[in-house]
């Protein structure tokens, strides 16, 4: 089950579970559209992989399996790709 992290690792933008702006790599590193497209240029700074849009979890599934509240914020790891 995906952790569904609550924010972008580069800019710390909020990414709620229903966000259409959330992208993940195969390790669930989580970034917003702006950072994926303009800062990272489609390459995860942690694993070197690509991104896919994070799927949504809704209704009862979100209630039974809530999104993570742990924020991972590492702007220093993202700036090198600018």
PDB file of N, CA and C in Angstrom:
ATOM      1  N   UNK A   1       0.842  -1.171   0.000  1.00  0.00           N
ATOM      2  CA  UNK A   1       0.000   0.000   0.000  1.00  0.00           C
ATOM      3  C   UNK A   1       0.893   1.242   0.000  1.00  0.00           C
ATOM      4  N   UNK A   2       0.563   2.212  -0.820  1.00  0.00           N
ATOM      5  CA  UNK A   2       1.333   3.456  -0.895  1.00  0.00           C
ATOM      6  C   UNK A   2       1.235   4.250   0.399  1.00  0.00           C
ATOM      7  N   UNK A   3       2.331   4.898   0.758  1.00  0.00           N
ATOM      8  CA  UNK A   3       2.330   5.762   1.943  1.00  0.00           C
ATOM      9  C   UNK A   3       1.519   7.027   1.712  1.00  0.00           C
ATOM     10  N   UNK A   4       1.504   7.521   0.494  1.00  0.00           N
ATOM     11  CA  UNK A   4       0.815   8.760   0.144  1.00  0.00           C
ATOM     12  C   UNK A   4       1.321   9.908   1.017  1.00  0.00           C
ATOM     13  N   UNK A   5       2.593  10.217   0.830  1.00  0.00           N
ATOM     14  CA  UNK A   5       3.255  11.259   1.610  1.00  0.00           C
ATOM     15  C   UNK A   5       2.590  12.617   1.384  1.00  0.00           C
ATOM     16  N   UNK A   6       2.589  13.461   2.410  1.00  0.00           N
ATOM     17  CA  UNK A   6       1.782  14.683   2.379  1.00  0.00           C
ATOM     18  C   UNK A   6       2.385  15.897   1.701  1.00  0.00           C
ATOM     19  N   UNK A   7       3.625  15.810   1.212  1.00  0.00           N
ATOM     20  CA  UNK A   7       4.214  17.006   0.622  1.00  0.00           C
ATOM     21  C   UNK A   7       5.337  16.703  -0.349  1.00  0.00           C
ATOM     22  N   UNK A   8       5.682  17.719  -1.141  1.00  0.00           N
ATOM     23  CA  UNK A   8       6.781  17.619  -2.101  1.00  0.00           C
ATOM     24  C   UNK A   8       8.116  17.639  -1.370  1.00  0.00           C
ATOM     25  N   UNK A   9       8.996  16.731  -1.734  1.00  0.00           N
ATOM     26  CA  UNK A   9      10.304  16.660  -1.090  1.00  0.00           C
ATOM     27  C   UNK A   9      11.201  17.834  -1.453  1.00  0.00           C
ATOM     28  N   UNK A  10      10.924  18.516  -2.556  1.00  0.00           N
ATOM     29  CA  UNK A  10      11.758  19.654  -2.976  1.00  0.00           C
ATOM     30  C   UNK A  10      11.282  20.980  -2.398  1.00  0.00           C
ATOM     31  N   UNK A  11      10.002  21.282  -2.578  1.00  0.00           N
ATOM     32  CA  UNK A  11       9.507  22.612  -2.207  1.00  0.00           C
ATOM     33  C   UNK A  11       8.580  22.595  -0.996  1.00  0.00           C
ATOM     34  N   UNK A  12       8.262  21.428  -0.482  1.00  0.00           N
ATOM     35  CA  UNK A  12       7.401  21.238   0.686  1.00  0.00           C
ATOM     36  C   UNK A  12       5.947  21.638   0.435  1.00  0.00           C
ATOM     37  N   UNK A  13       5.548  21.725  -0.820  1.00  0.00           N
ATOM     38  CA  UNK A  13       4.158  22.023  -1.157  1.00  0.00           C
ATOM     39  C   UNK A  13       3.265  20.905  -0.644  1.00  0.00           C
ATOM     40  N   UNK A  14       2.112  21.260  -0.090  1.00  0.00           N
ATOM     41  CA  UNK A  14       1.152  20.265   0.374  1.00  0.00           C
ATOM     42  C   UNK A  14       0.617  19.454  -0.800  1.00  0.00           C
ATOM     43  N   UNK A  15       0.561  18.128  -0.610  1.00  0.00           N
ATOM     44  CA  UNK A  15       0.017  17.219  -1.615  1.00  0.00           C
ATOM     45  C   UNK A  15      -0.950  16.266  -0.923  1.00  0.00           C
ATOM     46  N   UNK A  16      -2.188  16.711  -0.706  1.00  0.00           N
ATOM     47  CA  UNK A  16      -3.174  15.857  -0.039  1.00  0.00           C
ATOM     48  C   UNK A  16      -3.456  14.586  -0.845  1.00  0.00           C
ATOM     49  N   UNK A  17      -4.090  13.586  -0.238  1.00  0.00           N
ATOM     50  CA  UNK A  17      -4.314  12.309  -0.913  1.00  0.00           C
ATOM     51  C   UNK A  17      -5.042  12.413  -2.250  1.00  0.00           C
ATOM     52  N   UNK A  18      -5.853  13.445  -2.440  1.00  0.00           N
ATOM     53  CA  UNK A  18      -6.603  13.581  -3.693  1.00  0.00           C
ATOM     54  C   UNK A  18      -5.931  14.531  -4.691  1.00  0.00           C
ATOM     55  N   UNK A  19      -4.691  14.929  -4.417  1.00  0.00           N
ATOM     56  CA  UNK A  19      -3.996  15.882  -5.284  1.00  0.00           C
ATOM     57  C   UNK A  19      -3.693  15.299  -6.654  1.00  0.00           C
ATOM     58  N   UNK A  20      -3.970  16.090  -7.686  1.00  0.00           N
ATOM     59  CA  UNK A  20      -3.618  15.702  -9.048  1.00  0.00           C
ATOM     60  C   UNK A  20      -2.224  16.205  -9.396  1.00  0.00           C
ATOM     61  N   UNK A  21      -1.568  16.844  -8.445  1.00  0.00           N
ATOM     62  CA  UNK A  21      -0.230  17.408  -8.645  1.00  0.00           C
ATOM     63  C   UNK A  21       0.873  16.524  -8.056  1.00  0.00           C
ATOM     64  N   UNK A  22       0.527  15.364  -7.509  1.00  0.00           N
ATOM     65  CA  UNK A  22       1.507  14.495  -6.853  1.00  0.00           C
ATOM     66  C   UNK A  22       2.079  13.470  -7.824  1.00  0.00           C
ATOM     67  N   UNK A  23       3.392  13.349  -7.819  1.00  0.00           N
ATOM     68  CA  UNK A  23       4.122  12.381  -8.634  1.00  0.00           C
ATOM     69  C   UNK A  23       5.003  11.541  -7.723  1.00  0.00           C
ATOM     70  N   UNK A  24       5.183  10.254  -8.066  1.00  0.00           N
ATOM     71  CA  UNK A  24       6.039   9.372  -7.275  1.00  0.00           C
ATOM     72  C   UNK A  24       6.972   8.593  -8.193  1.00  0.00           C
ATOM     73  N   UNK A  25       8.109   8.173  -7.613  1.00  0.00           N
ATOM     74  CA  UNK A  25       8.999   7.244  -8.316  1.00  0.00           C
ATOM     75  C   UNK A  25       8.701   5.843  -7.782  1.00  0.00           C
ATOM     76  N   UNK A  26       9.448   4.855  -8.187  1.00  0.00           N
ATOM     77  CA  UNK A  26       9.176   3.479  -7.745  1.00  0.00           C
ATOM     78  C   UNK A  26       9.464   3.260  -6.262  1.00  0.00           C
ATOM     79  N   UNK A  27      10.172   4.210  -5.628  1.00  0.00           N
ATOM     80  CA  UNK A  27      10.439   4.126  -4.191  1.00  0.00           C
ATOM     81  C   UNK A  27       9.511   5.029  -3.392  1.00  0.00           C
ATOM     82  N   UNK A  28       8.508   5.606  -4.051  1.00  0.00           N
ATOM     83  CA  UNK A  28       7.517   6.499  -3.453  1.00  0.00           C
ATOM     84  C   UNK A  28       8.074   7.858  -3.056  1.00  0.00           C
ATOM     85  N   UNK A  29       9.243   8.234  -3.572  1.00  0.00           N
ATOM     86  CA  UNK A  29       9.689   9.612  -3.394  1.00  0.00           C
ATOM     87  C   UNK A  29       8.585  10.453  -4.022  1.00  0.00           C
ATOM     88  N   UNK A  30       8.201  11.533  -3.374  1.00  0.00           N
ATOM     89  CA  UNK A  30       7.010  12.277  -3.769  1.00  0.00           C
ATOM     90  C   UNK A  30       7.350  13.727  -4.086  1.00  0.00           C
ATOM     91  N   UNK A  31       6.879  14.191  -5.246  1.00  0.00           N
ATOM     92  CA  UNK A  31       7.167  15.547  -5.701  1.00  0.00           C
ATOM     93  C   UNK A  31       5.946  16.138  -6.383  1.00  0.00           C
ATOM     94  N   UNK A  32       5.891  17.451  -6.459  1.00  0.00           N
ATOM     95  CA  UNK A  32       4.794  18.138  -7.153  1.00  0.00           C
ATOM     96  C   UNK A  32       5.135  18.272  -8.639  1.00  0.00           C
ATOM     97  N   UNK A  33       4.128  18.584  -9.437  1.00  0.00           N
ATOM     98  CA  UNK A  33       4.307  18.722 -10.879  1.00  0.00           C
ATOM     99  C   UNK A  33       5.367  19.766 -11.215  1.00  0.00           C
ATOM    100  N   UNK A  34       5.322  20.899 -10.546  1.00  0.00           N
ATOM    101  CA  UNK A  34       6.274  21.983 -10.821  1.00  0.00           C
ATOM    102  C   UNK A  34       7.715  21.496 -10.662  1.00  0.00           C
ATOM    103  N   UNK A  35       8.001  20.808  -9.570  1.00  0.00           N
ATOM    104  CA  UNK A  35       9.367  20.326  -9.328  1.00  0.00           C
ATOM    105  C   UNK A  35       9.749  19.206 -10.293  1.00  0.00           C
ATOM    106  N   UNK A  36       8.827  18.276 -10.564  1.00  0.00           N
ATOM    107  CA  UNK A  36       9.121  17.183 -11.500  1.00  0.00           C
ATOM    108  C   UNK A  36       9.476  17.737 -12.881  1.00  0.00           C
ATOM    109  N   UNK A  37       8.696  18.706 -13.346  1.00  0.00           N
ATOM    110  CA  UNK A  37       8.902  19.216 -14.706  1.00  0.00           C
ATOM    111  C   UNK A  37      10.036  20.230 -14.822  1.00  0.00           C
ATOM    112  N   UNK A  38      10.138  21.144 -13.850  1.00  0.00           N
ATOM    113  CA  UNK A  38      11.054  22.273 -14.024  1.00  0.00           C
ATOM    114  C   UNK A  38      12.344  22.192 -13.208  1.00  0.00           C
ATOM    115  N   UNK A  39      12.325  21.458 -12.129  1.00  0.00           N
ATOM    116  CA  UNK A  39      13.532  21.353 -11.299  1.00  0.00           C
ATOM    117  C   UNK A  39      14.242  20.022 -11.563  1.00  0.00           C
ATOM    118  N   UNK A  40      13.491  18.946 -11.512  1.00  0.00           N
ATOM    119  CA  UNK A  40      14.083  17.605 -11.623  1.00  0.00           C
ATOM    120  C   UNK A  40      14.134  17.087 -13.059  1.00  0.00           C
ATOM    121  N   UNK A  41      13.368  17.711 -13.927  1.00  0.00           N
ATOM    122  CA  UNK A  41      13.304  17.330 -15.339  1.00  0.00           C
ATOM    123  C   UNK A  41      13.030  15.837 -15.542  1.00  0.00           C
ATOM    124  N   UNK A  42      12.087  15.323 -14.712  1.00  0.00           N
ATOM    125  CA  UNK A  42      11.620  13.951 -14.872  1.00  0.00           C
ATOM    126  C   UNK A  42      12.497  12.868 -14.301  1.00  0.00           C
ATOM    127  N   UNK A  43      13.538  13.238 -13.533  1.00  0.00           N
ATOM    128  CA  UNK A  43      14.449  12.241 -12.961  1.00  0.00           C
ATOM    129  C   UNK A  43      14.478  12.383 -11.439  1.00  0.00           C
ATOM    130  N   UNK A  44      14.193  11.312 -10.724  1.00  0.00           N
ATOM    131  CA  UNK A  44      14.202  11.341  -9.266  1.00  0.00           C
ATOM    132  C   UNK A  44      15.632  11.571  -8.766  1.00  0.00           C
ATOM    133  N   UNK A  45      15.841  12.575  -7.902  1.00  0.00           N
ATOM    134  CA  UNK A  45      17.183  12.856  -7.413  1.00  0.00           C
ATOM    135  C   UNK A  45      17.689  11.806  -6.419  1.00  0.00           C
ATOM    136  N   UNK A  46      16.784  10.979  -5.911  1.00  0.00           N
ATOM    137  CA  UNK A  46      17.167   9.976  -4.916  1.00  0.00           C
ATOM    138  C   UNK A  46      17.571   8.647  -5.551  1.00  0.00           C
ATOM    139  N   UNK A  47      16.833   8.219  -6.586  1.00  0.00           N
ATOM    140  CA  UNK A  47      17.107   6.898  -7.160  1.00  0.00           C
ATOM    141  C   UNK A  47      17.464   6.937  -8.639  1.00  0.00           C
ATOM    142  N   UNK A  48      17.288   8.086  -9.292  1.00  0.00           N
ATOM    143  CA  UNK A  48      17.599   8.198 -10.705  1.00  0.00           C
ATOM    144  C   UNK A  48      16.515   7.683 -11.625  1.00  0.00           C
ATOM    145  N   UNK A  49      15.387   7.228 -11.050  1.00  0.00           N
ATOM    146  CA  UNK A  49      14.289   6.711 -11.846  1.00  0.00           C
ATOM    147  C   UNK A  49      13.350   7.796 -12.337  1.00  0.00           C
ATOM    148  N   UNK A  50      12.341   7.390 -13.056  1.00  0.00           N
ATOM    149  CA  UNK A  50      11.338   8.311 -13.564  1.00  0.00           C
ATOM    150  C   UNK A  50      10.163   8.427 -12.605  1.00  0.00           C
ATOM    151  N   UNK A  51       9.151   9.151 -13.043  1.00  0.00           N
ATOM    152  CA  UNK A  51       7.980   9.413 -12.209  1.00  0.00           C
ATOM    153  C   UNK A  51       6.703   8.975 -12.899  1.00  0.00           C
ATOM    154  N   UNK A  52       5.702   8.722 -12.083  1.00  0.00           N
ATOM    155  CA  UNK A  52       4.340   8.499 -12.541  1.00  0.00           C
ATOM    156  C   UNK A  52       3.416   9.247 -11.590  1.00  0.00           C
ATOM    157  N   UNK A  53       2.244   9.616 -12.091  1.00  0.00           N
ATOM    158  CA  UNK A  53       1.300  10.302 -11.206  1.00  0.00           C
ATOM    159  C   UNK A  53       0.901   9.370 -10.066  1.00  0.00           C
ATOM    160  N   UNK A  54       0.816   9.933  -8.876  1.00  0.00           N
ATOM    161  CA  UNK A  54       0.399   9.134  -7.729  1.00  0.00           C
ATOM    162  C   UNK A  54      -1.100   8.867  -7.832  1.00  0.00           C
ATOM    163  N   UNK A  55      -1.523   7.612  -7.675  1.00  0.00           N
ATOM    164  CA  UNK A  55      -2.954   7.315  -7.729  1.00  0.00           C
ATOM    165  C   UNK A  55      -3.678   7.885  -6.504  1.00  0.00           C
ATOM    166  N   UNK A  56      -4.986   7.976  -6.618  1.00  0.00           N
ATOM    167  CA  UNK A  56      -5.810   8.503  -5.533  1.00  0.00           C
ATOM    168  C   UNK A  56      -6.311   7.366  -4.659  1.00  0.00           C
ATOM    169  N   UNK A  57      -6.537   7.663  -3.403  1.00  0.00           N
ATOM    170  CA  UNK A  57      -7.193   6.731  -2.488  1.00  0.00           C
ATOM    171  C   UNK A  57      -8.386   7.496  -1.940  1.00  0.00           C
ATOM    172  N   UNK A  58      -9.556   6.976  -2.094  1.00  0.00           N
ATOM    173  CA  UNK A  58     -10.730   7.762  -1.733  1.00  0.00           C
ATOM    174  C   UNK A  58     -11.689   7.007  -0.828  1.00  0.00           C
ATOM    175  N   UNK A  59     -12.656   7.773  -0.329  1.00  0.00           N
ATOM    176  CA  UNK A  59     -13.757   7.214   0.450  1.00  0.00           C
ATOM    177  C   UNK A  59     -13.325   6.355   1.612  1.00  0.00           C
ATOM    178  N   UNK A  60     -13.965   5.196   1.720  1.00  0.00           N
ATOM    179  CA  UNK A  60     -13.705   4.285   2.825  1.00  0.00           C
ATOM    180  C   UNK A  60     -12.280   3.776   2.856  1.00  0.00           C
ATOM    181  N   UNK A  61     -11.662   3.637   1.694  1.00  0.00           N
ATOM    182  CA  UNK A  61     -10.273   3.170   1.676  1.00  0.00           C
ATOM    183  C   UNK A  61      -9.352   4.171   2.346  1.00  0.00           C
ATOM    184  N   UNK A  62      -9.582   5.444   2.132  1.00  0.00           N
ATOM    185  CA  UNK A  62      -8.761   6.467   2.766  1.00  0.00           C
ATOM    186  C   UNK A  62      -9.004   6.497   4.271  1.00  0.00           C
ATOM    187  N   UNK A  63     -10.233   6.262   4.678  1.00  0.00           N
ATOM    188  CA  UNK A  63     -10.551   6.226   6.110  1.00  0.00           C
ATOM    189  C   UNK A  63      -9.903   5.012   6.785  1.00  0.00           C
ATOM    190  N   UNK A  64      -9.962   3.863   6.138  1.00  0.00           N
ATOM    191  CA  UNK A  64      -9.373   2.640   6.711  1.00  0.00           C
ATOM    192  C   UNK A  64      -7.857   2.623   6.631  1.00  0.00           C
ATOM    193  N   UNK A  65      -7.322   3.248   5.597  1.00  0.00           N
ATOM    194  CA  UNK A  65      -5.878   3.257   5.361  1.00  0.00           C
ATOM    195  C   UNK A  65      -5.454   4.691   5.082  1.00  0.00           C
ATOM    196  N   UNK A  66      -5.324   5.504   6.126  1.00  0.00           N
ATOM    197  CA  UNK A  66      -5.027   6.933   5.926  1.00  0.00           C
ATOM    198  C   UNK A  66      -3.659   7.178   5.306  1.00  0.00           C
ATOM    199  N   UNK A  67      -3.560   8.322   4.652  1.00  0.00           N
ATOM    200  CA  UNK A  67      -2.290   8.746   4.069  1.00  0.00           C
ATOM    201  C   UNK A  67      -1.285   9.022   5.178  1.00  0.00           C
ATOM    202  N   UNK A  68      -0.024   8.971   4.827  1.00  0.00           N
ATOM    203  CA  UNK A  68       1.050   9.251   5.782  1.00  0.00           C
ATOM    204  C   UNK A  68       1.011  10.708   6.228  1.00  0.00           C
ATOM    205  N   UNK A  69       1.437  10.958   7.443  1.00  0.00           N
ATOM    206  CA  UNK A  69       1.564  12.338   7.935  1.00  0.00           C
ATOM    207  C   UNK A  69       3.040  12.734   8.028  1.00  0.00           C
ATOM    208  N   UNK A  70       3.930  11.800   7.702  1.00  0.00           N
ATOM    209  CA  UNK A  70       5.368  12.072   7.767  1.00  0.00           C
ATOM    210  C   UNK A  70       5.817  12.874   6.555  1.00  0.00           C
ATOM    211  N   UNK A  71       6.360  14.058   6.808  1.00  0.00           N
ATOM    212  CA  UNK A  71       6.861  14.908   5.731  1.00  0.00           C
ATOM    213  C   UNK A  71       8.330  14.627   5.514  1.00  0.00           C
ATOM    214  N   UNK A  72       8.718  14.503   4.265  1.00  0.00           N
ATOM    215  CA  UNK A  72      10.121  14.373   3.884  1.00  0.00           C
ATOM    216  C   UNK A  72      10.429  15.604   3.042  1.00  0.00           C
ATOM    217  N   UNK A  73      11.340  16.417   3.531  1.00  0.00           N
ATOM    218  CA  UNK A  73      11.665  17.674   2.859  1.00  0.00           C
ATOM    219  C   UNK A  73      13.172  17.790   2.777  1.00  0.00           C
ATOM    220  N   UNK A  74      13.699  17.774   1.555  1.00  0.00           N
ATOM    221  CA  UNK A  74      15.137  17.817   1.344  1.00  0.00           C
ATOM    222  C   UNK A  74      15.461  18.722   0.157  1.00  0.00           C
ATOM    223  N   UNK A  75      15.302  20.037   0.337  1.00  0.00           N
ATOM    224  CA  UNK A  75      15.533  20.934  -0.791  1.00  0.00           C
ATOM    225  C   UNK A  75      16.967  20.897  -1.309  1.00  0.00           C
ATOM    226  N   UNK A  76      17.920  20.555  -0.469  1.00  0.00           N
ATOM    227  CA  UNK A  76      19.316  20.468  -0.897  1.00  0.00           C
ATOM    228  C   UNK A  76      19.545  19.356  -1.903  1.00  0.00           C
ATOM    229  N   UNK A  77      18.759  18.298  -1.829  1.00  0.00           N
ATOM    230  CA  UNK A  77      18.882  17.186  -2.753  1.00  0.00           C
ATOM    231  C   UNK A  77      18.249  17.467  -4.106  1.00  0.00           C
ATOM    232  N   UNK A  78      17.456  18.508  -4.192  1.00  0.00           N
ATOM    233  CA  UNK A  78      16.753  18.830  -5.436  1.00  0.00           C
ATOM    234  C   UNK A  78      17.427  19.939  -6.206  1.00  0.00           C
ATOM    235  N   UNK A  79      18.048  20.866  -5.511  1.00  0.00           N
ATOM    236  CA  UNK A  79      18.630  22.043  -6.139  1.00  0.00           C
ATOM    237  C   UNK A  79      19.724  21.743  -7.130  1.00  0.00           C
ATOM    238  N   UNK A  80      20.414  20.627  -6.972  1.00  0.00           N
ATOM    239  CA  UNK A  80      21.541  20.308  -7.844  1.00  0.00           C
ATOM    240  C   UNK A  80      21.098  20.066  -9.289  1.00  0.00           C
ATOM    241  N   UNK A  81      19.841  19.756  -9.527  1.00  0.00           N
ATOM    242  CA  UNK A  81      19.352  19.459 -10.868  1.00  0.00           C
ATOM    243  C   UNK A  81      18.811  20.683 -11.579  1.00  0.00           C
ATOM    244  N   UNK A  82      18.834  21.829 -10.956  1.00  0.00           N
ATOM    245  CA  UNK A  82      18.278  23.044 -11.588  1.00  0.00           C
ATOM    246  C   UNK A  82      19.099  23.480 -12.763  1.00  0.00           C
TER     247      UNK A  82
END
